Protein backbone atom coordinates (compact mmCIF):
# COMPACT_ATOMS: atom_id res chain seq x y z
CA MET A 1 9.41 -31.97 39.32
CA ASN A 2 11.90 -33.57 41.73
CA PHE A 3 12.64 -37.22 42.38
CA PRO A 4 14.48 -37.85 45.66
CA SER A 5 17.68 -39.84 45.89
CA THR A 6 17.01 -43.40 46.78
CA ASP A 7 18.45 -45.87 49.18
CA LEU A 8 18.81 -49.18 47.44
CA PRO A 9 17.80 -52.41 49.12
CA ASN A 10 20.52 -54.68 50.32
CA LEU A 11 22.56 -56.01 47.45
CA LYS A 12 23.61 -59.61 46.98
CA ASP A 13 27.09 -60.71 47.83
CA GLY A 14 29.63 -59.47 45.36
CA GLU A 15 27.59 -56.52 44.02
CA ASP A 16 29.24 -53.09 44.22
CA SER A 17 26.57 -51.05 45.99
CA THR A 18 28.48 -47.77 45.67
CA ALA A 19 28.60 -47.96 41.87
CA VAL A 20 24.91 -48.97 41.59
CA ARG A 21 23.82 -46.20 43.93
CA LYS A 22 25.90 -43.64 41.98
CA THR A 23 24.37 -44.79 38.65
CA VAL A 24 20.82 -44.68 39.99
CA ASN A 25 21.37 -41.25 41.60
CA ASP A 26 22.94 -39.91 38.36
CA LEU A 27 19.88 -41.10 36.43
CA LEU A 28 17.57 -39.47 38.97
CA ASP A 29 19.53 -36.20 38.63
CA LYS A 30 19.10 -36.31 34.85
CA ILE A 31 15.38 -37.02 35.22
CA ASN A 32 15.09 -34.03 37.60
CA GLN A 33 16.96 -31.81 35.10
CA LEU A 34 14.61 -32.88 32.32
CA GLY A 35 11.63 -32.24 34.61
CA ASN A 36 12.95 -28.74 35.34
CA GLN A 37 13.37 -28.10 31.60
CA VAL A 38 9.79 -29.23 31.00
CA ASP A 39 8.60 -26.87 33.78
CA THR A 40 10.58 -23.99 32.21
CA LEU A 41 9.18 -24.70 28.73
CA THR A 42 5.65 -24.91 30.12
CA THR A 43 6.10 -21.50 31.80
CA GLN A 44 7.55 -19.99 28.61
CA LEU A 45 4.72 -21.43 26.51
CA ALA A 46 2.11 -20.02 28.91
CA ALA A 47 3.77 -16.58 28.73
CA PHE A 48 3.89 -16.75 24.94
CA ALA A 49 0.28 -17.87 24.62
CA SER A 50 -1.09 -15.33 27.11
CA PRO A 51 -1.66 -12.48 24.61
CA TYR A 52 -3.43 -14.92 22.32
CA ALA A 53 -5.51 -16.45 25.08
CA SER A 54 -7.91 -13.52 24.89
CA GLY A 55 -9.73 -15.24 22.07
CA ILE A 56 -13.27 -14.97 20.85
CA ILE A 57 -15.88 -15.31 23.60
CA SER A 58 -18.91 -15.11 21.32
CA SER A 59 -20.02 -13.93 17.94
CA GLY A 60 -23.29 -13.56 16.16
CA SER A 61 -25.49 -11.52 13.91
CA ASN A 62 -29.00 -10.17 13.65
CA ALA A 63 -30.91 -7.86 11.33
CA ASN A 64 -28.66 -4.94 12.40
CA GLY A 65 -25.29 -6.56 11.57
CA SER A 66 -22.63 -8.84 13.02
CA TYR A 67 -20.39 -8.77 16.09
CA ILE A 68 -17.46 -10.50 17.79
CA LYS A 69 -16.80 -10.30 21.55
CA PHE A 70 -13.22 -10.92 22.69
CA ALA A 71 -12.15 -12.15 26.13
CA ASP A 72 -10.25 -8.91 26.86
CA GLY A 73 -13.52 -6.94 26.59
CA THR A 74 -13.07 -5.64 23.03
CA MET A 75 -16.07 -5.89 20.72
CA MET A 76 -16.11 -5.37 16.97
CA GLN A 77 -19.36 -4.83 15.06
CA TRP A 78 -20.08 -4.25 11.40
CA GLY A 79 -22.85 -4.26 8.86
CA ASN A 80 -24.34 -2.73 5.74
CA TYR A 81 -27.72 -1.56 4.58
CA SER A 82 -29.47 0.61 2.01
CA ALA A 83 -30.96 3.89 3.18
CA SER A 84 -32.89 6.80 1.72
CA ILE A 85 -31.46 10.07 2.99
CA VAL A 86 -33.46 13.24 2.55
CA MET A 87 -31.10 16.18 1.91
CA VAL A 88 -33.15 19.18 3.03
CA ASN A 89 -31.03 20.89 5.67
CA ALA A 90 -29.12 23.72 3.97
CA VAL A 91 -25.43 24.38 4.63
CA ALA A 92 -22.99 26.69 2.82
CA THR A 93 -21.89 23.99 0.37
CA GLY A 94 -25.16 22.17 -0.20
CA PHE A 95 -27.61 20.16 1.84
CA TRP A 96 -27.32 17.54 4.54
CA GLY A 97 -29.28 14.63 5.93
CA THR A 98 -28.60 11.80 8.35
CA THR A 99 -28.67 8.04 8.53
CA THR A 100 -28.62 5.99 11.70
CA VAL A 101 -26.89 2.67 12.35
CA THR A 102 -28.33 0.49 15.11
CA PHE A 103 -25.69 -1.83 16.53
CA PRO A 104 -26.48 -5.56 16.83
CA VAL A 105 -25.34 -5.51 20.50
CA ALA A 106 -24.98 -2.58 22.92
CA PHE A 107 -21.50 -1.31 23.81
CA ILE A 108 -20.40 0.07 27.18
CA ALA A 109 -20.89 3.86 27.17
CA GLY A 110 -17.90 6.00 26.23
CA THR A 111 -15.91 3.23 24.54
CA ILE A 112 -17.18 3.36 20.95
CA SER A 113 -15.46 4.41 17.74
CA ALA A 114 -17.76 4.13 14.73
CA GLN A 115 -17.08 4.78 11.05
CA ALA A 116 -19.07 4.33 7.88
CA ALA A 117 -18.65 4.64 4.14
CA MET A 118 -21.49 5.31 1.71
CA SER A 119 -21.87 4.76 -1.97
CA VAL A 120 -24.66 6.38 -3.94
CA LEU A 121 -27.16 4.03 -5.53
CA ALA A 122 -29.18 6.87 -7.01
CA GLY A 123 -28.98 10.66 -6.95
CA ASN A 124 -26.00 13.02 -6.93
CA ARG A 125 -22.63 12.84 -5.27
CA ILE A 126 -22.63 12.35 -1.52
CA ILE A 127 -20.05 12.90 1.22
CA LEU A 128 -20.20 11.11 4.56
CA SER A 129 -19.01 12.73 7.77
CA PRO A 130 -17.83 11.09 11.01
CA PRO A 131 -20.59 10.18 13.46
CA THR A 132 -22.45 12.92 15.24
CA ASN A 133 -21.82 13.41 18.94
CA PRO A 134 -22.49 11.47 21.02
CA VAL A 135 -22.55 7.95 19.70
CA SER A 136 -24.90 6.05 22.00
CA THR A 137 -24.34 2.51 23.23
CA THR A 138 -26.81 1.20 20.65
CA LEU A 139 -26.54 3.48 17.63
CA ALA A 140 -24.44 5.89 15.60
CA GLN A 141 -25.78 8.67 13.41
CA PHE A 142 -23.87 9.86 10.33
CA TYR A 143 -24.26 13.07 8.32
CA ALA A 144 -24.38 12.93 4.56
CA ILE A 145 -23.79 16.06 2.48
CA ASP A 146 -24.91 16.58 -1.12
CA ASN A 147 -24.93 19.48 -3.56
CA THR A 148 -28.68 19.33 -4.19
CA SER A 149 -31.80 19.14 -2.07
CA GLU A 150 -33.18 15.71 -2.88
CA THR A 151 -33.56 12.20 -1.54
CA ASN A 152 -30.56 9.95 -2.14
CA THR A 153 -30.58 6.17 -1.88
CA VAL A 154 -27.24 5.09 -0.48
CA TYR A 155 -25.53 1.86 0.45
CA VAL A 156 -23.90 2.17 3.89
CA ASN A 157 -21.00 0.00 5.10
CA TRP A 158 -20.18 0.61 8.75
CA GLN A 159 -17.81 -0.64 11.45
CA ALA A 160 -17.67 0.05 15.16
CA VAL A 161 -15.18 -0.95 17.84
CA GLY A 162 -15.65 -0.59 21.58
CA ARG A 163 -15.99 -2.56 24.78
CA TRP A 164 -18.59 -5.04 25.96
CA LYS A 165 -17.19 -5.38 29.49
């Protein structure tokens, strides 16, 4: 922001034009300095706010869970549900079954990290593994391991982070 120096109109007899011009030009210099400070502060504020400018683009929920899309392309999704898991596949330490989470919104392929925790509503102890490979853009499948071959009703809390763009 710059204000140019000014030429004053003709002064009346007896007025000291040099002193008036100097005062006006000094005031204009100070106004220009303040304008430069405002420009500098505006630039600094924009730089400070930039990391926070990638705010929430959209959010929502459906029967599968909830999601938040951020301006930088990050998407977080989460949810919970009850599931019956049939433990019939034998392993050395017991039996395993699976449960599948369907995401509320599809991710971009290859960008997803999904995790879940289970608590047993009925049945024996249960251990949850990381998701099976690969996690698709719309779902994640988790293994559950138990010490007996039976059907367990579990409560699943899950979270997934990835990219939407």
